[in-house]
Amino acid sequence: MGKLYIVPTPVGNLEDMTFRAIRILKEADLILAEDTRTSGILLKHFEIKNAMQSHHKFNEHKMVESVVNRIKGGETVALISDAGTPGISDPGFLVVRECVRNNIEVQCLPGATAFVPALVASGLPNEKFCFEGFLPQKKGRMTRLKVLSEECRTMVFYESPHRLVKALMQFSEHFGPERQASVSREISKVHEETVRGTLVELIEHFTANEPRGEIVIVVAGIDD
């Protein structure tokens, strides 16, 4: 029987790729990629020429069985996403779960994921935290924010740049305008930036300075 490797890829700087990740991708019989065009650039950079197949949120349900069967047949499969660690707000959970159910060995390599550097750089307590990822856009969003208004741990969210100010305003409404928070964007890229302050200060900053790039919001818990 083969094996499934979960391989993190850089969220920004290509130098964040590990030696082990490169070796696993070169040795794999098949690389499952969220977007083969995006991943193709990465693989070309590291001279990785193995077979690659699309594996994204729109086809992963129907692909899982065939992937499991290939691994059962002895193949080694490596799963990557466009950036960061697969399964963290990216496709990956379904194939991992099915491999576990079929007693297939799953190894997840340590590596890049956006929320860890954002959390550490925020200056907010990080010995305990809750990762919320992307909140629901419509149904259930306000209900979730109401629940989180009582959260004592530091909270971590992903958000798109064009929805950032609206999200910060909703956080201010539910958590209070003076709650401490930070916004990190373009992590590990040339224009990496972390802005810290109260929610109202962050609203003012990003209203005046249009945000760009991938966004991680870190918000202090109620007791901090």
N, C-alpha and C. Protein backbone atom coordinates (compact mmCIF):
# COMPACT_ATOMS: atom_id res chain seq x y z
N MET A 1 0.83 -1.19 0.00
CA MET A 1 0.00 0.00 0.00
C MET A 1 0.88 1.25 0.00
N GLY A 2 0.41 2.27 -0.69
CA GLY A 2 1.15 3.52 -0.76
C GLY A 2 0.90 4.41 0.45
N LYS A 3 1.06 5.71 0.25
CA LYS A 3 0.97 6.66 1.36
C LYS A 3 0.49 8.00 0.83
N LEU A 4 -0.20 8.75 1.70
CA LEU A 4 -0.61 10.11 1.36
C LEU A 4 0.24 11.09 2.14
N TYR A 5 0.87 12.02 1.43
CA TYR A 5 1.61 13.10 2.06
C TYR A 5 0.85 14.41 1.89
N ILE A 6 0.71 15.16 2.98
CA ILE A 6 0.17 16.50 2.93
C ILE A 6 1.37 17.44 2.95
N VAL A 7 1.54 18.21 1.88
CA VAL A 7 2.77 18.99 1.72
C VAL A 7 2.45 20.49 1.70
N PRO A 8 2.84 21.23 2.72
CA PRO A 8 2.65 22.68 2.71
C PRO A 8 3.53 23.34 1.65
N THR A 9 3.02 24.39 1.05
CA THR A 9 3.79 25.18 0.09
C THR A 9 3.82 26.63 0.57
N PRO A 10 4.79 27.42 0.10
CA PRO A 10 4.96 28.78 0.61
C PRO A 10 3.70 29.65 0.43
N VAL A 11 3.44 30.48 1.44
CA VAL A 11 2.34 31.45 1.32
C VAL A 11 2.84 32.73 0.65
N GLY A 12 4.15 32.83 0.49
CA GLY A 12 4.72 34.01 -0.15
C GLY A 12 6.07 33.68 -0.74
N ASN A 13 7.12 33.88 0.04
CA ASN A 13 8.49 33.69 -0.40
C ASN A 13 8.78 32.23 -0.71
N LEU A 14 9.26 31.95 -1.92
CA LEU A 14 9.54 30.57 -2.31
C LEU A 14 10.65 29.94 -1.47
N GLU A 15 11.45 30.77 -0.80
CA GLU A 15 12.50 30.23 0.06
C GLU A 15 11.94 29.53 1.29
N ASP A 16 10.64 29.69 1.55
CA ASP A 16 10.00 29.02 2.69
C ASP A 16 9.73 27.54 2.41
N MET A 17 9.92 27.11 1.18
CA MET A 17 9.76 25.69 0.83
C MET A 17 10.85 24.89 1.53
N THR A 18 10.50 23.75 2.12
CA THR A 18 11.49 22.95 2.83
C THR A 18 12.16 21.94 1.89
N PHE A 19 13.37 21.52 2.27
CA PHE A 19 14.07 20.49 1.49
C PHE A 19 13.24 19.21 1.42
N ARG A 20 12.61 18.88 2.55
CA ARG A 20 11.83 17.64 2.59
C ARG A 20 10.62 17.72 1.66
N ALA A 21 9.97 18.88 1.63
CA ALA A 21 8.80 19.05 0.76
C ALA A 21 9.20 18.86 -0.70
N ILE A 22 10.33 19.42 -1.08
CA ILE A 22 10.80 19.27 -2.46
C ILE A 22 11.07 17.80 -2.77
N ARG A 23 11.72 17.10 -1.84
CA ARG A 23 12.04 15.69 -2.06
C ARG A 23 10.78 14.85 -2.21
N ILE A 24 9.80 15.07 -1.32
CA ILE A 24 8.56 14.29 -1.38
C ILE A 24 7.84 14.52 -2.71
N LEU A 25 7.78 15.76 -3.15
CA LEU A 25 7.09 16.06 -4.41
C LEU A 25 7.82 15.43 -5.60
N LYS A 26 9.14 15.36 -5.53
CA LYS A 26 9.90 14.73 -6.62
C LYS A 26 9.73 13.22 -6.63
N GLU A 27 9.48 12.64 -5.46
CA GLU A 27 9.35 11.19 -5.35
C GLU A 27 7.92 10.69 -5.55
N ALA A 28 6.94 11.56 -5.44
CA ALA A 28 5.53 11.14 -5.48
C ALA A 28 5.15 10.62 -6.87
N ASP A 29 4.27 9.63 -6.89
CA ASP A 29 3.74 9.13 -8.15
C ASP A 29 2.72 10.10 -8.74
N LEU A 30 2.03 10.82 -7.84
CA LEU A 30 1.00 11.76 -8.28
C LEU A 30 0.96 12.94 -7.31
N ILE A 31 0.86 14.15 -7.86
CA ILE A 31 0.68 15.36 -7.06
C ILE A 31 -0.73 15.88 -7.29
N LEU A 32 -1.50 15.98 -6.22
CA LEU A 32 -2.84 16.58 -6.29
C LEU A 32 -2.70 18.06 -5.98
N ALA A 33 -3.12 18.92 -6.90
CA ALA A 33 -2.93 20.36 -6.75
C ALA A 33 -4.27 21.08 -6.83
N GLU A 34 -4.46 22.08 -5.96
CA GLU A 34 -5.70 22.85 -5.96
C GLU A 34 -5.90 23.54 -7.31
N ASP A 35 -4.85 24.14 -7.83
CA ASP A 35 -4.88 24.78 -9.16
C ASP A 35 -3.58 24.41 -9.85
N THR A 36 -3.67 23.61 -10.90
CA THR A 36 -2.47 23.11 -11.56
C THR A 36 -1.67 24.24 -12.20
N ARG A 37 -2.32 25.33 -12.58
CA ARG A 37 -1.58 26.45 -13.18
C ARG A 37 -0.73 27.14 -12.13
N THR A 38 -1.32 27.40 -10.95
CA THR A 38 -0.57 28.03 -9.87
C THR A 38 0.56 27.13 -9.39
N SER A 39 0.22 25.86 -9.15
CA SER A 39 1.23 24.93 -8.65
C SER A 39 2.29 24.63 -9.70
N GLY A 40 1.90 24.73 -10.97
CA GLY A 40 2.86 24.48 -12.04
C GLY A 40 4.05 25.43 -11.98
N ILE A 41 3.79 26.67 -11.58
CA ILE A 41 4.86 27.66 -11.45
C ILE A 41 5.82 27.25 -10.34
N LEU A 42 5.25 26.79 -9.21
CA LEU A 42 6.07 26.34 -8.08
C LEU A 42 6.90 25.12 -8.46
N LEU A 43 6.27 24.15 -9.08
CA LEU A 43 6.97 22.91 -9.44
C LEU A 43 8.07 23.18 -10.46
N LYS A 44 7.81 24.06 -11.40
CA LYS A 44 8.82 24.40 -12.40
C LYS A 44 10.02 25.05 -11.74
N HIS A 45 9.76 25.92 -10.75
CA HIS A 45 10.84 26.61 -10.05
C HIS A 45 11.79 25.62 -9.38
N PHE A 46 11.23 24.55 -8.83
CA PHE A 46 12.05 23.56 -8.12
C PHE A 46 12.36 22.34 -8.99
N GLU A 47 12.09 22.45 -10.29
CA GLU A 47 12.41 21.40 -11.26
C GLU A 47 11.76 20.07 -10.89
N ILE A 48 10.49 20.16 -10.53
CA ILE A 48 9.69 18.97 -10.20
C ILE A 48 8.78 18.68 -11.39
N LYS A 49 8.91 17.50 -11.98
CA LYS A 49 8.23 17.21 -13.24
C LYS A 49 7.23 16.05 -13.13
N ASN A 50 6.81 15.73 -11.91
CA ASN A 50 5.91 14.60 -11.71
C ASN A 50 4.49 14.89 -12.20
N ALA A 51 3.72 13.83 -12.37
CA ALA A 51 2.34 13.96 -12.82
C ALA A 51 1.53 14.76 -11.80
N MET A 52 0.68 15.64 -12.33
CA MET A 52 -0.12 16.51 -11.47
C MET A 52 -1.58 16.45 -11.91
N GLN A 53 -2.48 16.52 -10.93
CA GLN A 53 -3.92 16.44 -11.21
C GLN A 53 -4.65 17.44 -10.33
N SER A 54 -5.71 18.05 -10.87
CA SER A 54 -6.48 19.03 -10.11
C SER A 54 -7.25 18.37 -8.98
N HIS A 55 -7.23 19.01 -7.82
CA HIS A 55 -7.99 18.53 -6.66
C HIS A 55 -8.44 19.76 -5.89
N HIS A 56 -9.69 20.17 -6.12
CA HIS A 56 -10.19 21.40 -5.51
C HIS A 56 -11.58 21.17 -4.94
N LYS A 57 -12.15 22.22 -4.34
CA LYS A 57 -13.40 22.05 -3.61
C LYS A 57 -14.58 21.65 -4.50
N PHE A 58 -14.44 21.84 -5.82
CA PHE A 58 -15.55 21.52 -6.71
C PHE A 58 -15.50 20.08 -7.21
N ASN A 59 -14.35 19.41 -7.05
CA ASN A 59 -14.28 18.03 -7.55
C ASN A 59 -13.78 17.02 -6.52
N GLU A 60 -13.44 17.50 -5.32
CA GLU A 60 -12.81 16.57 -4.36
C GLU A 60 -13.74 15.45 -3.93
N HIS A 61 -15.05 15.70 -3.85
CA HIS A 61 -15.97 14.64 -3.43
C HIS A 61 -15.91 13.45 -4.39
N LYS A 62 -15.92 13.74 -5.69
CA LYS A 62 -15.94 12.64 -6.65
C LYS A 62 -14.56 12.05 -6.91
N MET A 63 -13.50 12.75 -6.48
CA MET A 63 -12.15 12.26 -6.71
C MET A 63 -11.62 11.37 -5.60
N VAL A 64 -12.21 11.49 -4.41
CA VAL A 64 -11.66 10.82 -3.23
C VAL A 64 -11.49 9.32 -3.44
N GLU A 65 -12.52 8.67 -3.96
CA GLU A 65 -12.47 7.21 -4.12
C GLU A 65 -11.33 6.78 -5.04
N SER A 66 -11.17 7.48 -6.16
CA SER A 66 -10.11 7.09 -7.10
C SER A 66 -8.72 7.32 -6.51
N VAL A 67 -8.58 8.39 -5.72
CA VAL A 67 -7.29 8.66 -5.07
C VAL A 67 -6.97 7.56 -4.08
N VAL A 68 -7.96 7.19 -3.26
CA VAL A 68 -7.75 6.12 -2.27
C VAL A 68 -7.38 4.82 -2.97
N ASN A 69 -8.03 4.52 -4.07
CA ASN A 69 -7.74 3.28 -4.79
C ASN A 69 -6.32 3.27 -5.36
N ARG A 70 -5.87 4.43 -5.82
CA ARG A 70 -4.51 4.51 -6.35
C ARG A 70 -3.48 4.28 -5.23
N ILE A 71 -3.75 4.83 -4.06
CA ILE A 71 -2.83 4.64 -2.94
C ILE A 71 -2.86 3.17 -2.49
N LYS A 72 -4.06 2.58 -2.46
CA LYS A 72 -4.16 1.16 -2.11
C LYS A 72 -3.38 0.29 -3.10
N GLY A 73 -3.29 0.79 -4.32
CA GLY A 73 -2.57 0.06 -5.36
C GLY A 73 -1.06 0.24 -5.28
N GLY A 74 -0.62 1.02 -4.29
CA GLY A 74 0.82 1.14 -4.07
C GLY A 74 1.43 2.48 -4.42
N GLU A 75 0.62 3.41 -4.90
CA GLU A 75 1.17 4.70 -5.30
C GLU A 75 1.33 5.64 -4.11
N THR A 76 2.32 6.51 -4.22
CA THR A 76 2.50 7.58 -3.24
C THR A 76 1.89 8.85 -3.82
N VAL A 77 0.99 9.46 -3.06
CA VAL A 77 0.29 10.67 -3.52
C VAL A 77 0.63 11.83 -2.59
N ALA A 78 0.94 12.97 -3.18
CA ALA A 78 1.22 14.18 -2.41
C ALA A 78 0.14 15.21 -2.71
N LEU A 79 -0.40 15.81 -1.67
CA LEU A 79 -1.45 16.82 -1.81
C LEU A 79 -0.89 18.19 -1.48
N ILE A 80 -1.08 19.15 -2.39
CA ILE A 80 -0.68 20.54 -2.14
C ILE A 80 -1.86 21.46 -2.44
N SER A 81 -1.84 22.65 -1.84
CA SER A 81 -2.82 23.67 -2.17
C SER A 81 -2.10 24.83 -2.85
N ASP A 82 -2.82 25.88 -3.20
CA ASP A 82 -2.18 27.01 -3.87
C ASP A 82 -1.11 27.65 -2.98
N ALA A 83 -1.36 27.66 -1.67
CA ALA A 83 -0.41 28.24 -0.72
C ALA A 83 -0.76 27.77 0.68
N GLY A 84 0.27 27.47 1.47
CA GLY A 84 0.04 27.05 2.85
C GLY A 84 -0.19 25.56 2.99
N THR A 85 -0.82 25.19 4.09
CA THR A 85 -1.03 23.78 4.41
C THR A 85 -2.42 23.32 3.97
N PRO A 86 -2.51 22.31 3.11
CA PRO A 86 -3.82 21.78 2.69
C PRO A 86 -4.67 21.39 3.90
N GLY A 87 -5.96 21.63 3.79
CA GLY A 87 -6.88 21.30 4.88
C GLY A 87 -7.17 22.48 5.80
N ILE A 88 -6.29 23.49 5.80
CA ILE A 88 -6.52 24.68 6.61
C ILE A 88 -7.15 25.73 5.71
N SER A 89 -8.47 25.82 5.74
CA SER A 89 -9.24 26.70 4.84
C SER A 89 -8.92 26.41 3.37
N ASP A 90 -8.56 25.19 3.07
CA ASP A 90 -8.27 24.72 1.72
C ASP A 90 -8.72 23.28 1.61
N PRO A 91 -8.87 22.75 0.37
CA PRO A 91 -9.24 21.34 0.22
C PRO A 91 -8.21 20.43 0.87
N GLY A 92 -8.67 19.27 1.30
CA GLY A 92 -7.75 18.30 1.89
C GLY A 92 -8.40 17.40 2.92
N PHE A 93 -9.36 17.94 3.67
CA PHE A 93 -9.96 17.16 4.75
C PHE A 93 -10.59 15.86 4.25
N LEU A 94 -11.33 15.92 3.15
CA LEU A 94 -12.07 14.75 2.69
C LEU A 94 -11.15 13.59 2.33
N VAL A 95 -10.08 13.88 1.61
CA VAL A 95 -9.19 12.79 1.20
C VAL A 95 -8.41 12.25 2.40
N VAL A 96 -8.05 13.12 3.35
CA VAL A 96 -7.38 12.64 4.56
C VAL A 96 -8.31 11.73 5.35
N ARG A 97 -9.55 12.16 5.54
CA ARG A 97 -10.52 11.35 6.29
C ARG A 97 -10.71 9.98 5.65
N GLU A 98 -10.84 9.95 4.32
CA GLU A 98 -11.08 8.68 3.64
C GLU A 98 -9.86 7.77 3.72
N CYS A 99 -8.67 8.36 3.66
CA CYS A 99 -7.46 7.55 3.81
C CYS A 99 -7.38 6.95 5.21
N VAL A 100 -7.70 7.75 6.21
CA VAL A 100 -7.69 7.26 7.59
C VAL A 100 -8.69 6.11 7.75
N ARG A 101 -9.87 6.26 7.16
CA ARG A 101 -10.89 5.21 7.24
C ARG A 101 -10.44 3.93 6.58
N ASN A 102 -9.54 4.05 5.59
CA ASN A 102 -9.05 2.87 4.86
C ASN A 102 -7.69 2.41 5.35
N ASN A 103 -7.30 2.88 6.55
CA ASN A 103 -6.03 2.48 7.17
C ASN A 103 -4.82 2.78 6.30
N ILE A 104 -4.92 3.86 5.54
CA ILE A 104 -3.79 4.32 4.72
C ILE A 104 -2.98 5.31 5.55
N GLU A 105 -1.67 5.17 5.50
CA GLU A 105 -0.81 6.07 6.27
C GLU A 105 -0.88 7.49 5.70
N VAL A 106 -1.09 8.45 6.58
CA VAL A 106 -1.13 9.86 6.19
C VAL A 106 -0.05 10.59 6.97
N GLN A 107 0.81 11.29 6.25
CA GLN A 107 1.84 12.11 6.89
C GLN A 107 1.68 13.55 6.44
N CYS A 108 1.59 14.46 7.41
CA CYS A 108 1.51 15.88 7.10
C CYS A 108 2.84 16.53 7.46
N LEU A 109 3.51 17.08 6.47
CA LEU A 109 4.78 17.75 6.71
C LEU A 109 4.53 19.09 7.42
N PRO A 110 5.41 19.46 8.36
CA PRO A 110 5.30 20.79 8.95
C PRO A 110 5.70 21.83 7.92
N GLY A 111 5.09 22.99 8.01
CA GLY A 111 5.44 24.02 7.03
C GLY A 111 4.52 25.22 7.08
N ALA A 112 4.51 25.95 6.00
CA ALA A 112 3.85 27.26 5.97
C ALA A 112 2.35 27.17 6.18
N THR A 113 1.84 28.10 6.98
CA THR A 113 0.41 28.37 7.07
C THR A 113 0.27 29.80 7.57
N ALA A 114 -0.64 30.55 7.00
CA ALA A 114 -0.63 32.00 7.20
C ALA A 114 -0.95 32.44 8.63
N PHE A 115 -1.82 31.70 9.33
CA PHE A 115 -2.29 32.24 10.60
C PHE A 115 -1.25 32.19 11.72
N VAL A 116 -0.28 31.27 11.64
CA VAL A 116 0.71 31.16 12.72
C VAL A 116 1.60 32.40 12.81
N PRO A 117 2.26 32.84 11.71
CA PRO A 117 3.05 34.06 11.83
C PRO A 117 2.21 35.28 12.18
N ALA A 118 0.97 35.35 11.69
CA ALA A 118 0.10 36.48 12.01
C ALA A 118 -0.22 36.51 13.50
N LEU A 119 -0.51 35.35 14.07
CA LEU A 119 -0.82 35.25 15.49
C LEU A 119 0.38 35.63 16.34
N VAL A 120 1.54 35.09 16.02
CA VAL A 120 2.74 35.37 16.81
C VAL A 120 3.13 36.84 16.71
N ALA A 121 3.03 37.42 15.51
CA ALA A 121 3.43 38.81 15.31
C ALA A 121 2.42 39.81 15.85
N SER A 122 1.22 39.36 16.19
CA SER A 122 0.18 40.27 16.65
C SER A 122 0.51 40.92 17.99
N GLY A 123 1.30 40.22 18.80
CA GLY A 123 1.57 40.73 20.15
C GLY A 123 0.46 40.41 21.12
N LEU A 124 -0.56 39.68 20.68
CA LEU A 124 -1.67 39.29 21.54
C LEU A 124 -1.39 37.91 22.13
N PRO A 125 -2.01 37.57 23.27
CA PRO A 125 -1.75 36.27 23.90
C PRO A 125 -1.97 35.12 22.92
N ASN A 126 -1.02 34.20 22.87
CA ASN A 126 -1.14 33.09 21.92
C ASN A 126 -0.94 31.71 22.53
N GLU A 127 -0.91 31.65 23.88
CA GLU A 127 -0.79 30.32 24.50
C GLU A 127 -2.08 29.52 24.31
N LYS A 128 -3.20 30.22 24.15
CA LYS A 128 -4.48 29.60 23.80
C LYS A 128 -5.16 30.50 22.79
N PHE A 129 -5.71 29.90 21.75
CA PHE A 129 -6.40 30.69 20.72
C PHE A 129 -7.41 29.82 20.01
N CYS A 130 -8.32 30.45 19.28
CA CYS A 130 -9.27 29.70 18.45
C CYS A 130 -9.14 30.20 17.01
N PHE A 131 -9.06 29.25 16.10
CA PHE A 131 -8.94 29.57 14.68
C PHE A 131 -10.31 29.45 14.04
N GLU A 132 -10.83 30.57 13.52
CA GLU A 132 -12.16 30.58 12.93
C GLU A 132 -12.13 30.53 11.40
N GLY A 133 -10.95 30.79 10.80
CA GLY A 133 -10.86 30.79 9.34
C GLY A 133 -11.79 31.83 8.74
N PHE A 134 -12.43 31.48 7.63
CA PHE A 134 -13.39 32.38 6.99
C PHE A 134 -14.75 32.21 7.65
N LEU A 135 -15.31 33.28 8.19
CA LEU A 135 -16.66 33.23 8.74
C LEU A 135 -17.67 33.08 7.61
N PRO A 136 -18.86 32.53 7.90
CA PRO A 136 -19.91 32.47 6.87
C PRO A 136 -20.19 33.88 6.33
N GLN A 137 -20.40 33.99 5.04
CA GLN A 137 -20.63 35.32 4.47
C GLN A 137 -22.02 35.87 4.80
N LYS A 138 -23.00 35.00 4.88
CA LYS A 138 -24.35 35.46 5.13
C LYS A 138 -24.99 34.67 6.27
N LYS A 139 -25.59 33.54 5.94
CA LYS A 139 -26.32 32.76 6.93
C LYS A 139 -25.39 32.28 8.04
N GLY A 140 -25.74 32.62 9.27
CA GLY A 140 -24.99 32.16 10.42
C GLY A 140 -23.86 33.06 10.87
N ARG A 141 -23.55 34.09 10.09
CA ARG A 141 -22.41 34.95 10.42
C ARG A 141 -22.66 35.72 11.72
N MET A 142 -23.81 36.39 11.83
CA MET A 142 -24.10 37.19 13.02
C MET A 142 -24.25 36.30 14.26
N THR A 143 -24.82 35.13 14.06
CA THR A 143 -24.95 34.18 15.18
C THR A 143 -23.59 33.78 15.70
N ARG A 144 -22.67 33.52 14.77
CA ARG A 144 -21.32 33.12 15.18
C ARG A 144 -20.60 34.26 15.90
N LEU A 145 -20.75 35.47 15.40
CA LEU A 145 -20.11 36.62 16.04
C LEU A 145 -20.68 36.85 17.44
N LYS A 146 -21.95 36.62 17.61
CA LYS A 146 -22.56 36.76 18.93
C LYS A 146 -21.96 35.76 19.91
N VAL A 147 -21.75 34.53 19.47
CA VAL A 147 -21.13 33.50 20.31
C VAL A 147 -19.69 33.90 20.64
N LEU A 148 -18.97 34.39 19.64
CA LEU A 148 -17.56 34.74 19.83
C LEU A 148 -17.38 35.99 20.70
N SER A 149 -18.43 36.76 20.88
CA SER A 149 -18.31 37.95 21.72
C SER A 149 -18.01 37.58 23.17
N GLU A 150 -18.24 36.31 23.54
CA GLU A 150 -17.94 35.84 24.89
C GLU A 150 -16.65 35.01 24.94
N GLU A 151 -15.94 34.92 23.81
CA GLU A 151 -14.72 34.11 23.73
C GLU A 151 -13.57 34.77 24.49
N CYS A 152 -12.94 34.00 25.37
CA CYS A 152 -11.82 34.51 26.18
C CYS A 152 -10.47 34.36 25.47
N ARG A 153 -10.39 33.42 24.54
CA ARG A 153 -9.13 33.19 23.84
C ARG A 153 -8.94 34.18 22.69
N THR A 154 -7.71 34.37 22.29
CA THR A 154 -7.42 35.16 21.09
C THR A 154 -8.05 34.47 19.89
N MET A 155 -8.66 35.24 19.00
CA MET A 155 -9.38 34.70 17.85
C MET A 155 -8.65 35.05 16.55
N VAL A 156 -8.62 34.09 15.63
CA VAL A 156 -7.93 34.28 14.36
C VAL A 156 -8.91 34.06 13.21
N PHE A 157 -8.92 35.02 12.28
CA PHE A 157 -9.85 34.96 11.15
C PHE A 157 -9.10 35.17 9.84
N TYR A 158 -9.62 34.59 8.76
CA TYR A 158 -9.17 34.91 7.41
C TYR A 158 -10.23 35.81 6.78
N GLU A 159 -9.80 36.75 5.95
CA GLU A 159 -10.75 37.61 5.26
C GLU A 159 -10.15 38.10 3.95
N SER A 160 -11.00 38.41 3.00
CA SER A 160 -10.53 38.97 1.73
C SER A 160 -10.35 40.47 1.89
N PRO A 161 -9.46 41.08 1.12
CA PRO A 161 -9.18 42.51 1.31
C PRO A 161 -10.39 43.41 1.08
N HIS A 162 -11.24 43.08 0.11
CA HIS A 162 -12.38 43.96 -0.17
C HIS A 162 -13.50 43.85 0.88
N ARG A 163 -13.40 42.85 1.77
CA ARG A 163 -14.40 42.73 2.84
C ARG A 163 -13.80 43.07 4.21
N LEU A 164 -12.54 43.48 4.24
CA LEU A 164 -11.86 43.69 5.51
C LEU A 164 -12.52 44.75 6.37
N VAL A 165 -12.74 45.93 5.82
CA VAL A 165 -13.31 47.03 6.62
C VAL A 165 -14.69 46.66 7.16
N LYS A 166 -15.50 46.02 6.32
CA LYS A 166 -16.83 45.60 6.78
C LYS A 166 -16.72 44.60 7.92
N ALA A 167 -15.77 43.66 7.80
CA ALA A 167 -15.57 42.67 8.86
C ALA A 167 -15.13 43.35 10.15
N LEU A 168 -14.20 44.29 10.06
CA LEU A 168 -13.73 45.00 11.26
C LEU A 168 -14.86 45.79 11.91
N MET A 169 -15.75 46.34 11.11
CA MET A 169 -16.90 47.07 11.66
C MET A 169 -17.85 46.13 12.39
N GLN A 170 -18.03 44.94 11.84
CA GLN A 170 -18.88 43.95 12.51
C GLN A 170 -18.22 43.48 13.81
N PHE A 171 -16.90 43.30 13.79
CA PHE A 171 -16.18 42.92 15.00
C PHE A 171 -16.32 44.01 16.06
N SER A 172 -16.20 45.26 15.65
CA SER A 172 -16.34 46.39 16.57
C SER A 172 -17.72 46.40 17.21
N GLU A 173 -18.72 46.09 16.41
CA GLU A 173 -20.10 46.07 16.91
C GLU A 173 -20.30 44.97 17.94
N HIS A 174 -19.71 43.80 17.70
CA HIS A 174 -19.94 42.66 18.59
C HIS A 174 -18.93 42.56 19.73
N PHE A 175 -17.68 42.98 19.48
CA PHE A 175 -16.62 42.82 20.48
C PHE A 175 -16.31 44.12 21.21
N GLY A 176 -16.77 45.25 20.66
CA GLY A 176 -16.46 46.56 21.25
C GLY A 176 -15.36 47.26 20.48
N PRO A 177 -15.49 48.56 20.23
CA PRO A 177 -14.54 49.30 19.40
C PRO A 177 -13.13 49.39 19.99
N GLU A 178 -13.00 49.20 21.30
CA GLU A 178 -11.69 49.33 21.94
C GLU A 178 -10.95 47.99 22.07
N ARG A 179 -11.55 46.92 21.54
CA ARG A 179 -10.90 45.61 21.61
C ARG A 179 -9.60 45.64 20.78
N GLN A 180 -8.51 45.12 21.35
CA GLN A 180 -7.24 45.09 20.66
C GLN A 180 -7.26 44.03 19.54
N ALA A 181 -6.60 44.36 18.45
CA ALA A 181 -6.57 43.45 17.30
C ALA A 181 -5.36 43.77 16.43
N SER A 182 -5.12 42.91 15.46
CA SER A 182 -4.08 43.18 14.46
C SER A 182 -4.54 42.64 13.12
N VAL A 183 -4.04 43.24 12.07
CA VAL A 183 -4.31 42.78 10.71
C VAL A 183 -2.97 42.56 10.01
N SER A 184 -2.74 41.32 9.57
CA SER A 184 -1.53 41.01 8.80
C SER A 184 -1.92 40.73 7.37
N ARG A 185 -1.13 41.22 6.45
CA ARG A 185 -1.41 40.97 5.03
C ARG A 185 -0.11 40.69 4.29
N GLU A 186 -0.23 39.99 3.17
CA GLU A 186 0.92 39.68 2.32
C GLU A 186 2.05 38.99 3.11
N ILE A 187 1.66 38.06 3.97
CA ILE A 187 2.65 37.38 4.81
C ILE A 187 3.72 36.69 3.97
N SER A 188 4.97 36.93 4.31
CA SER A 188 6.14 36.33 3.67
C SER A 188 6.36 36.85 2.25
N LYS A 189 5.69 37.96 1.90
CA LYS A 189 5.88 38.57 0.58
C LYS A 189 6.59 39.92 0.74
N VAL A 190 6.90 40.55 -0.37
CA VAL A 190 7.67 41.79 -0.36
C VAL A 190 7.00 42.89 0.45
N HIS A 191 5.67 42.99 0.32
CA HIS A 191 4.93 44.07 0.98
C HIS A 191 4.23 43.60 2.26
N GLU A 192 4.83 42.64 2.95
CA GLU A 192 4.26 42.14 4.21
C GLU A 192 4.08 43.29 5.20
N GLU A 193 2.92 43.26 5.89
CA GLU A 193 2.61 44.34 6.83
C GLU A 193 1.71 43.82 7.94
N THR A 194 1.96 44.25 9.16
CA THR A 194 1.06 43.99 10.28
C THR A 194 0.72 45.32 10.93
N VAL A 195 -0.56 45.59 11.03
CA VAL A 195 -1.05 46.83 11.65
C VAL A 195 -1.78 46.43 12.93
N ARG A 196 -1.41 47.06 14.04
CA ARG A 196 -1.97 46.72 15.35
C ARG A 196 -2.68 47.92 15.94
N GLY A 197 -3.68 47.64 16.79
CA GLY A 197 -4.40 48.73 17.46
C GLY A 197 -5.76 48.26 17.90
N THR A 198 -6.61 49.20 18.30
CA THR A 198 -8.00 48.85 18.62
C THR A 198 -8.75 48.63 17.32
N LEU A 199 -9.90 48.02 17.42
CA LEU A 199 -10.70 47.78 16.20
C LEU A 199 -11.06 49.09 15.52
N VAL A 200 -11.39 50.11 16.30
CA VAL A 200 -11.76 51.40 15.68
C VAL A 200 -10.56 52.03 14.99
N GLU A 201 -9.36 51.85 15.55
CA GLU A 201 -8.15 52.37 14.91
C GLU A 201 -7.86 51.63 13.61
N LEU A 202 -8.09 50.33 13.61
CA LEU A 202 -7.87 49.54 12.39
C LEU A 202 -8.88 49.91 11.31
N ILE A 203 -10.11 50.16 11.71
CA ILE A 203 -11.13 50.60 10.75
C ILE A 203 -10.70 51.91 10.09
N GLU A 204 -10.24 52.85 10.90
CA GLU A 204 -9.80 54.14 10.37
C GLU A 204 -8.61 53.97 9.42
N HIS A 205 -7.67 53.12 9.82
CA HIS A 205 -6.47 52.91 8.99
C HIS A 205 -6.82 52.33 7.63
N PHE A 206 -7.61 51.25 7.62
CA PHE A 206 -7.88 50.57 6.36
C PHE A 206 -8.99 51.23 5.55
N THR A 207 -9.71 52.17 6.15
CA THR A 207 -10.61 53.01 5.37
C THR A 207 -9.79 54.02 4.57
N ALA A 208 -8.73 54.52 5.20
CA ALA A 208 -7.85 55.49 4.53
C ALA A 208 -6.83 54.83 3.61
N ASN A 209 -6.47 53.57 3.91
CA ASN A 209 -5.47 52.84 3.12
C ASN A 209 -6.08 51.54 2.63
N GLU A 210 -6.45 51.50 1.37
CA GLU A 210 -7.13 50.33 0.82
C GLU A 210 -6.24 49.09 0.94
N PRO A 211 -6.74 48.04 1.61
CA PRO A 211 -5.92 46.84 1.80
C PRO A 211 -5.84 45.99 0.54
N ARG A 212 -4.70 45.32 0.40
CA ARG A 212 -4.52 44.40 -0.72
C ARG A 212 -3.87 43.12 -0.19
N GLY A 213 -4.06 42.04 -0.92
CA GLY A 213 -3.41 40.78 -0.55
C GLY A 213 -4.24 39.95 0.42
N GLU A 214 -3.70 38.79 0.75
CA GLU A 214 -4.37 37.88 1.68
C GLU A 214 -4.33 38.47 3.09
N ILE A 215 -5.45 38.32 3.83
CA ILE A 215 -5.61 39.00 5.12
C ILE A 215 -5.79 37.99 6.25
N VAL A 216 -5.09 38.22 7.36
CA VAL A 216 -5.34 37.49 8.61
C VAL A 216 -5.64 38.51 9.69
N ILE A 217 -6.78 38.35 10.35
CA ILE A 217 -7.18 39.23 11.45
C ILE A 217 -7.04 38.48 12.77
N VAL A 218 -6.39 39.09 13.73
CA VAL A 218 -6.23 38.49 15.05
C VAL A 218 -6.88 39.44 16.05
N VAL A 219 -7.80 38.92 16.85
CA VAL A 219 -8.57 39.74 17.80
C VAL A 219 -8.42 39.18 19.21
N ALA A 220 -8.15 40.07 20.16
CA ALA A 220 -7.99 39.65 21.55
C ALA A 220 -9.30 39.09 22.09
N GLY A 221 -9.18 38.16 23.04
CA GLY A 221 -10.36 37.63 23.71
C GLY A 221 -10.94 38.64 24.67
N ILE A 222 -12.06 38.32 25.26
CA ILE A 222 -12.81 39.28 26.06
C ILE A 222 -12.05 39.69 27.32
N ASP A 223 -11.18 38.84 27.84
CA ASP A 223 -10.49 39.15 29.09
C ASP A 223 -9.13 39.80 28.91
N ASP A 224 -8.68 39.96 27.65
CA ASP A 224 -7.33 40.47 27.40
C ASP A 224 -7.33 42.00 27.36
